[in-house]
Amino acid sequence: VPIGAGLAFAFSRGVWQSAVVTEVYALNLL
């Protein structure tokens, strides 16, 4: 379940969009 939830989080629209461009939100979430 944690693997599924972690991948669902990683590939959710807003997270994925912030992960592939220069933006401050990735460090904020980390």
PDB file of all heavy atoms in Angstrom:
ATOM      1  N   VAL A   1       0.829  -1.211   0.000  1.00  0.00           N
ATOM      2  CA  VAL A   1       0.000   0.000   0.000  1.00  0.00           C
ATOM      3  C   VAL A   1       0.869   1.269   0.000  1.00  0.00           C
ATOM      4  O   VAL A   1       0.598   2.193  -0.774  1.00  0.00           O
ATOM      5  CB  VAL A   1      -1.005  -0.023   1.170  1.00  0.00           C
ATOM      6  CG1 VAL A   1      -1.724   1.309   1.297  1.00  0.00           C
ATOM      7  CG2 VAL A   1      -2.002  -1.161   0.988  1.00  0.00           C
ATOM      8  N   PRO A   2       1.921   1.336   0.823  1.00  0.00           N
ATOM      9  CA  PRO A   2       2.781   2.537   0.756  1.00  0.00           C
ATOM     10  C   PRO A   2       3.455   2.736  -0.600  1.00  0.00           C
ATOM     11  O   PRO A   2       3.626   3.865  -1.042  1.00  0.00           O
ATOM     12  CB  PRO A   2       3.808   2.296   1.854  1.00  0.00           C
ATOM     13  CG  PRO A   2       3.110   1.416   2.831  1.00  0.00           C
ATOM     14  CD  PRO A   2       2.259   0.511   1.986  1.00  0.00           C
ATOM     15  N   ILE A   3       3.814   1.649  -1.262  1.00  0.00           N
ATOM     16  CA  ILE A   3       4.404   1.796  -2.599  1.00  0.00           C
ATOM     17  C   ILE A   3       3.361   2.383  -3.554  1.00  0.00           C
ATOM     18  O   ILE A   3       3.648   3.324  -4.304  1.00  0.00           O
ATOM     19  CB  ILE A   3       4.947   0.451  -3.123  1.00  0.00           C
ATOM     20  CG1 ILE A   3       6.223   0.077  -2.377  1.00  0.00           C
ATOM     21  CG2 ILE A   3       5.219   0.523  -4.633  1.00  0.00           C
ATOM     22  CD1 ILE A   3       6.782  -1.288  -2.737  1.00  0.00           C
ATOM     23  N   GLY A   4       2.155   1.841  -3.518  1.00  0.00           N
ATOM     24  CA  GLY A   4       1.091   2.367  -4.379  1.00  0.00           C
ATOM     25  C   GLY A   4       0.767   3.818  -4.081  1.00  0.00           C
ATOM     26  O   GLY A   4       0.602   4.631  -4.992  1.00  0.00           O
ATOM     27  N   ALA A   5       0.684   4.150  -2.794  1.00  0.00           N
ATOM     28  CA  ALA A   5       0.373   5.529  -2.412  1.00  0.00           C
ATOM     29  C   ALA A   5       1.511   6.475  -2.793  1.00  0.00           C
ATOM     30  O   ALA A   5       1.271   7.591  -3.271  1.00  0.00           O
ATOM     31  CB  ALA A   5       0.095   5.613  -0.914  1.00  0.00           C
ATOM     32  N   GLY A   6       2.748   6.039  -2.606  1.00  0.00           N
ATOM     33  CA  GLY A   6       3.890   6.870  -2.975  1.00  0.00           C
ATOM     34  C   GLY A   6       3.947   7.135  -4.464  1.00  0.00           C
ATOM     35  O   GLY A   6       4.217   8.256  -4.908  1.00  0.00           O
ATOM     36  N   LEU A   7       3.659   6.096  -5.259  1.00  0.00           N
ATOM     37  CA  LEU A   7       3.653   6.276  -6.712  1.00  0.00           C
ATOM     38  C   LEU A   7       2.456   7.106  -7.163  1.00  0.00           C
ATOM     39  O   LEU A   7       2.575   7.906  -8.096  1.00  0.00           O
ATOM     40  CB  LEU A   7       3.675   4.917  -7.415  1.00  0.00           C
ATOM     41  CG  LEU A   7       4.984   4.138  -7.267  1.00  0.00           C
ATOM     42  CD1 LEU A   7       4.858   2.750  -7.869  1.00  0.00           C
ATOM     43  CD2 LEU A   7       6.157   4.898  -7.865  1.00  0.00           C
ATOM     44  N   ALA A   8       1.314   6.919  -6.503  1.00  0.00           N
ATOM     45  CA  ALA A   8       0.143   7.751  -6.830  1.00  0.00           C
ATOM     46  C   ALA A   8       0.443   9.221  -6.550  1.00  0.00           C
ATOM     47  O   ALA A   8       0.076  10.102  -7.328  1.00  0.00           O
ATOM     48  CB  ALA A   8      -1.069   7.283  -6.026  1.00  0.00           C
ATOM     49  N   PHE A   9       1.117   9.497  -5.438  1.00  0.00           N
ATOM     50  CA  PHE A   9       1.530  10.858  -5.125  1.00  0.00           C
ATOM     51  C   PHE A   9       2.501  11.368  -6.189  1.00  0.00           C
ATOM     52  O   PHE A   9       2.333  12.460  -6.733  1.00  0.00           O
ATOM     53  CB  PHE A   9       2.182  10.896  -3.740  1.00  0.00           C
ATOM     54  CG  PHE A   9       2.919  12.169  -3.445  1.00  0.00           C
ATOM     55  CD1 PHE A   9       2.229  13.302  -3.051  1.00  0.00           C
ATOM     56  CD2 PHE A   9       4.298  12.231  -3.560  1.00  0.00           C
ATOM     57  CE1 PHE A   9       2.903  14.482  -2.785  1.00  0.00           C
ATOM     58  CE2 PHE A   9       4.980  13.405  -3.293  1.00  0.00           C
ATOM     59  CZ  PHE A   9       4.288  14.534  -2.899  1.00  0.00           C
ATOM     60  N   ALA A  10       3.530  10.572  -6.489  1.00  0.00           N
ATOM     61  CA  ALA A  10       4.578  10.998  -7.423  1.00  0.00           C
ATOM     62  C   ALA A  10       4.023  11.328  -8.805  1.00  0.00           C
ATOM     63  O   ALA A  10       4.514  12.240  -9.473  1.00  0.00           O
ATOM     64  CB  ALA A  10       5.643   9.911  -7.543  1.00  0.00           C
ATOM     65  N   PHE A  11       2.980  10.593  -9.219  1.00  0.00           N
ATOM     66  CA  PHE A  11       2.471  10.780 -10.569  1.00  0.00           C
ATOM     67  C   PHE A  11       1.144  11.528 -10.613  1.00  0.00           C
ATOM     68  O   PHE A  11       0.496  11.576 -11.655  1.00  0.00           O
ATOM     69  CB  PHE A  11       2.373   9.430 -11.281  1.00  0.00           C
ATOM     70  CG  PHE A  11       3.707   8.745 -11.351  1.00  0.00           C
ATOM     71  CD1 PHE A  11       3.831   7.417 -10.984  1.00  0.00           C
ATOM     72  CD2 PHE A  11       4.840   9.424 -11.731  1.00  0.00           C
ATOM     73  CE1 PHE A  11       5.066   6.784 -11.025  1.00  0.00           C
ATOM     74  CE2 PHE A  11       6.080   8.810 -11.764  1.00  0.00           C
ATOM     75  CZ  PHE A  11       6.194   7.485 -11.419  1.00  0.00           C
ATOM     76  N   SER A  12       0.770  12.140  -9.500  1.00  0.00           N
ATOM     77  CA  SER A  12      -0.395  13.018  -9.532  1.00  0.00           C
ATOM     78  C   SER A  12      -0.025  14.255 -10.355  1.00  0.00           C
ATOM     79  O   SER A  12       1.138  14.629 -10.471  1.00  0.00           O
ATOM     80  CB  SER A  12      -0.833  13.409  -8.123  1.00  0.00           C
ATOM     81  OG  SER A  12       0.164  14.178  -7.485  1.00  0.00           O
ATOM     82  N   ARG A  13      -1.016  14.863 -10.940  1.00  0.00           N
ATOM     83  CA  ARG A  13      -0.779  15.926 -11.922  1.00  0.00           C
ATOM     84  C   ARG A  13       0.100  17.069 -11.396  1.00  0.00           C
ATOM     85  O   ARG A  13       1.099  17.436 -11.995  1.00  0.00           O
ATOM     86  CB  ARG A  13      -2.105  16.457 -12.420  1.00  0.00           C
ATOM     87  CG  ARG A  13      -1.958  17.507 -13.482  1.00  0.00           C
ATOM     88  CD  ARG A  13      -3.287  17.964 -13.999  1.00  0.00           C
ATOM     89  NE  ARG A  13      -3.075  18.952 -15.038  1.00  0.00           N
ATOM     90  CZ  ARG A  13      -4.040  19.635 -15.567  1.00  0.00           C
ATOM     91  NH1 ARG A  13      -5.278  19.440 -15.180  1.00  0.00           N
ATOM     92  NH2 ARG A  13      -3.791  20.528 -16.488  1.00  0.00           N
ATOM     93  N   GLY A  14      -0.280  17.646 -10.271  1.00  0.00           N
ATOM     94  CA  GLY A  14       0.455  18.795  -9.751  1.00  0.00           C
ATOM     95  C   GLY A  14       1.877  18.457  -9.334  1.00  0.00           C
ATOM     96  O   GLY A  14       2.811  19.231  -9.565  1.00  0.00           O
ATOM     97  N   VAL A  15       2.041  17.305  -8.719  1.00  0.00           N
ATOM     98  CA  VAL A  15       3.373  16.884  -8.277  1.00  0.00           C
ATOM     99  C   VAL A  15       4.264  16.633  -9.486  1.00  0.00           C
ATOM    100  O   VAL A  15       5.404  17.114  -9.541  1.00  0.00           O
ATOM    101  CB  VAL A  15       3.263  15.632  -7.369  1.00  0.00           C
ATOM    102  CG1 VAL A  15       4.623  15.035  -7.095  1.00  0.00           C
ATOM    103  CG2 VAL A  15       2.568  15.997  -6.058  1.00  0.00           C
ATOM    104  N   TRP A  16       3.765  15.886 -10.439  1.00  0.00           N
ATOM    105  CA  TRP A  16       4.557  15.574 -11.634  1.00  0.00           C
ATOM    106  C   TRP A  16       4.930  16.848 -12.386  1.00  0.00           C
ATOM    107  O   TRP A  16       6.060  17.010 -12.840  1.00  0.00           O
ATOM    108  CB  TRP A  16       3.781  14.631 -12.527  1.00  0.00           C
ATOM    109  CG  TRP A  16       4.576  13.897 -13.568  1.00  0.00           C
ATOM    110  CD1 TRP A  16       5.822  14.207 -14.040  1.00  0.00           C
ATOM    111  CD2 TRP A  16       4.185  12.724 -14.266  1.00  0.00           C
ATOM    112  NE1 TRP A  16       6.217  13.308 -14.994  1.00  0.00           N
ATOM    113  CE2 TRP A  16       5.228  12.375 -15.151  1.00  0.00           C
ATOM    114  CE3 TRP A  16       3.042  11.934 -14.245  1.00  0.00           C
ATOM    115  CZ2 TRP A  16       5.161  11.273 -15.999  1.00  0.00           C
ATOM    116  CZ3 TRP A  16       2.988  10.835 -15.092  1.00  0.00           C
ATOM    117  CH2 TRP A  16       4.033  10.511 -15.944  1.00  0.00           C
ATOM    118  N   GLN A  17       3.992  17.780 -12.508  1.00  0.00           N
ATOM    119  CA  GLN A  17       4.290  19.033 -13.208  1.00  0.00           C
ATOM    120  C   GLN A  17       5.403  19.806 -12.520  1.00  0.00           C
ATOM    121  O   GLN A  17       6.246  20.414 -13.181  1.00  0.00           O
ATOM    122  CB  GLN A  17       3.036  19.900 -13.289  1.00  0.00           C
ATOM    123  CG  GLN A  17       2.043  19.439 -14.319  1.00  0.00           C
ATOM    124  CD  GLN A  17       0.775  20.285 -14.313  1.00  0.00           C
ATOM    125  OE1 GLN A  17       0.440  20.938 -13.329  1.00  0.00           O
ATOM    126  NE2 GLN A  17       0.046  20.250 -15.415  1.00  0.00           N
ATOM    127  N   SER A  18       5.425  19.807 -11.202  1.00  0.00           N
ATOM    128  CA  SER A  18       6.469  20.523 -10.468  1.00  0.00           C
ATOM    129  C   SER A  18       7.789  19.774 -10.461  1.00  0.00           C
ATOM    130  O   SER A  18       8.833  20.362 -10.177  1.00  0.00           O
ATOM    131  CB  SER A  18       6.019  20.770  -9.031  1.00  0.00           C
ATOM    132  OG  SER A  18       4.935  21.661  -9.001  1.00  0.00           O
ATOM    133  N   ALA A  19       7.743  18.478 -10.744  1.00  0.00           N
ATOM    134  CA  ALA A  19       8.953  17.659 -10.678  1.00  0.00           C
ATOM    135  C   ALA A  19       9.817  17.766 -11.929  1.00  0.00           C
ATOM    136  O   ALA A  19      10.997  17.432 -11.877  1.00  0.00           O
ATOM    137  CB  ALA A  19       8.571  16.201 -10.458  1.00  0.00           C
ATOM    138  N   VAL A  20       9.280  18.223 -13.021  1.00  0.00           N
ATOM    139  CA  VAL A  20      10.030  18.179 -14.277  1.00  0.00           C
ATOM    140  C   VAL A  20      10.409  19.557 -14.811  1.00  0.00           C
ATOM    141  O   VAL A  20      10.918  19.676 -15.925  1.00  0.00           O
ATOM    142  CB  VAL A  20       9.245  17.374 -15.348  1.00  0.00           C
ATOM    143  CG1 VAL A  20       9.109  15.923 -14.930  1.00  0.00           C
ATOM    144  CG2 VAL A  20       7.887  17.991 -15.627  1.00  0.00           C
ATOM    145  N   VAL A  21      10.180  20.596 -14.026  1.00  0.00           N
ATOM    146  CA  VAL A  21      10.542  21.961 -14.410  1.00  0.00           C
ATOM    147  C   VAL A  21      11.233  22.654 -13.233  1.00  0.00           C
ATOM    148  O   VAL A  21      11.201  22.167 -12.107  1.00  0.00           O
ATOM    149  CB  VAL A  21       9.306  22.791 -14.850  1.00  0.00           C
ATOM    150  CG1 VAL A  21       8.647  22.170 -16.071  1.00  0.00           C
ATOM    151  CG2 VAL A  21       8.319  22.938 -13.724  1.00  0.00           C
ATOM    152  N   THR A  22      11.815  23.792 -13.497  1.00  0.00           N
ATOM    153  CA  THR A  22      12.437  24.591 -12.455  1.00  0.00           C
ATOM    154  C   THR A  22      11.350  25.256 -11.628  1.00  0.00           C
ATOM    155  O   THR A  22      10.649  26.137 -12.111  1.00  0.00           O
ATOM    156  CB  THR A  22      13.359  25.653 -13.078  1.00  0.00           C
ATOM    157  OG1 THR A  22      14.376  24.991 -13.830  1.00  0.00           O
ATOM    158  CG2 THR A  22      13.994  26.524 -12.019  1.00  0.00           C
ATOM    159  N   GLU A  23      11.203  24.799 -10.395  1.00  0.00           N
ATOM    160  CA  GLU A  23      10.163  25.316  -9.501  1.00  0.00           C
ATOM    161  C   GLU A  23      10.560  25.019  -8.062  1.00  0.00           C
ATOM    162  O   GLU A  23      11.328  24.100  -7.798  1.00  0.00           O
ATOM    163  CB  GLU A  23       8.828  24.668  -9.853  1.00  0.00           C
ATOM    164  CG  GLU A  23       7.612  25.327  -9.266  1.00  0.00           C
ATOM    165  CD  GLU A  23       7.515  26.822  -9.512  1.00  0.00           C
ATOM    166  OE1 GLU A  23       7.085  27.239 -10.589  1.00  0.00           O
ATOM    167  OE2 GLU A  23       7.878  27.587  -8.594  1.00  0.00           O
ATOM    168  N   VAL A  24      10.065  25.802  -7.102  1.00  0.00           N
ATOM    169  CA  VAL A  24      10.450  25.674  -5.692  1.00  0.00           C
ATOM    170  C   VAL A  24       9.662  24.610  -4.943  1.00  0.00           C
ATOM    171  O   VAL A  24      10.042  24.220  -3.843  1.00  0.00           O
ATOM    172  CB  VAL A  24      10.293  27.020  -4.943  1.00  0.00           C
ATOM    173  CG1 VAL A  24      11.191  28.082  -5.557  1.00  0.00           C
ATOM    174  CG2 VAL A  24       8.853  27.471  -4.918  1.00  0.00           C
ATOM    175  N   TYR A  25       8.591  24.109  -5.514  1.00  0.00           N
ATOM    176  CA  TYR A  25       7.683  23.233  -4.763  1.00  0.00           C
ATOM    177  C   TYR A  25       8.252  21.848  -4.505  1.00  0.00           C
ATOM    178  O   TYR A  25       7.870  21.193  -3.535  1.00  0.00           O
ATOM    179  CB  TYR A  25       6.335  23.148  -5.479  1.00  0.00           C
ATOM    180  CG  TYR A  25       5.701  24.496  -5.632  1.00  0.00           C
ATOM    181  CD1 TYR A  25       5.494  25.042  -6.886  1.00  0.00           C
ATOM    182  CD2 TYR A  25       5.363  25.257  -4.516  1.00  0.00           C
ATOM    183  CE1 TYR A  25       4.941  26.303  -7.029  1.00  0.00           C
ATOM    184  CE2 TYR A  25       4.814  26.518  -4.656  1.00  0.00           C
ATOM    185  CZ  TYR A  25       4.604  27.030  -5.906  1.00  0.00           C
ATOM    186  OH  TYR A  25       4.062  28.283  -6.039  1.00  0.00           O
ATOM    187  N   ALA A  26       9.148  21.369  -5.340  1.00  0.00           N
ATOM    188  CA  ALA A  26       9.732  20.049  -5.114  1.00  0.00           C
ATOM    189  C   ALA A  26      10.564  20.048  -3.830  1.00  0.00           C
ATOM    190  O   ALA A  26      10.436  19.142  -2.997  1.00  0.00           O
ATOM    191  CB  ALA A  26      10.585  19.639  -6.310  1.00  0.00           C
ATOM    192  N   LEU A  27      11.401  21.052  -3.656  1.00  0.00           N
ATOM    193  CA  LEU A  27      12.187  21.150  -2.427  1.00  0.00           C
ATOM    194  C   LEU A  27      11.274  21.367  -1.224  1.00  0.00           C
ATOM    195  O   LEU A  27      11.505  20.812  -0.145  1.00  0.00           O
ATOM    196  CB  LEU A  27      13.211  22.281  -2.533  1.00  0.00           C
ATOM    197  CG  LEU A  27      14.111  22.509  -1.322  1.00  0.00           C
ATOM    198  CD1 LEU A  27      14.908  21.255  -0.983  1.00  0.00           C
ATOM    199  CD2 LEU A  27      15.045  23.685  -1.560  1.00  0.00           C
ATOM    200  N   ASN A  28      10.209  22.133  -1.405  1.00  0.00           N
ATOM    201  CA  ASN A  28       9.252  22.370  -0.334  1.00  0.00           C
ATOM    202  C   ASN A  28       8.619  21.055   0.126  1.00  0.00           C
ATOM    203  O   ASN A  28       8.533  20.777   1.325  1.00  0.00           O
ATOM    204  CB  ASN A  28       8.175  23.343  -0.807  1.00  0.00           C
ATOM    205  CG  ASN A  28       7.258  23.772   0.300  1.00  0.00           C
ATOM    206  OD1 ASN A  28       7.700  24.288   1.310  1.00  0.00           O
ATOM    207  ND2 ASN A  28       5.973  23.547   0.121  1.00  0.00           N
ATOM    208  N   LEU A  29       8.181  20.226  -0.813  1.00  0.00           N
ATOM    209  CA  LEU A  29       7.580  18.942  -0.449  1.00  0.00           C
ATOM    210  C   LEU A  29       8.597  18.005   0.173  1.00  0.00           C
ATOM    211  O   LEU A  29       8.274  17.260   1.103  1.00  0.00           O
ATOM    212  CB  LEU A  29       6.927  18.300  -1.669  1.00  0.00           C
ATOM    213  CG  LEU A  29       5.586  18.898  -2.063  1.00  0.00           C
ATOM    214  CD1 LEU A  29       5.118  18.345  -3.393  1.00  0.00           C
ATOM    215  CD2 LEU A  29       4.545  18.633  -0.988  1.00  0.00           C
ATOM    216  N   LEU A  30       9.827  18.025  -0.311  1.00  0.00           N
ATOM    217  CA  LEU A  30      10.869  17.179   0.271  1.00  0.00           C
ATOM    218  C   LEU A  30      11.089  17.524   1.740  1.00  0.00           C
ATOM    219  O   LEU A  30      11.118  16.640   2.603  1.00  0.00           O
ATOM    220  CB  LEU A  30      12.175  17.326  -0.516  1.00  0.00           C
ATOM    221  CG  LEU A  30      13.376  16.560   0.033  1.00  0.00           C
ATOM    222  CD1 LEU A  30      13.136  15.058  -0.002  1.00  0.00           C
ATOM    223  CD2 LEU A  30      14.628  16.930  -0.738  1.00  0.00           C
TER     224      LEU A  30
END
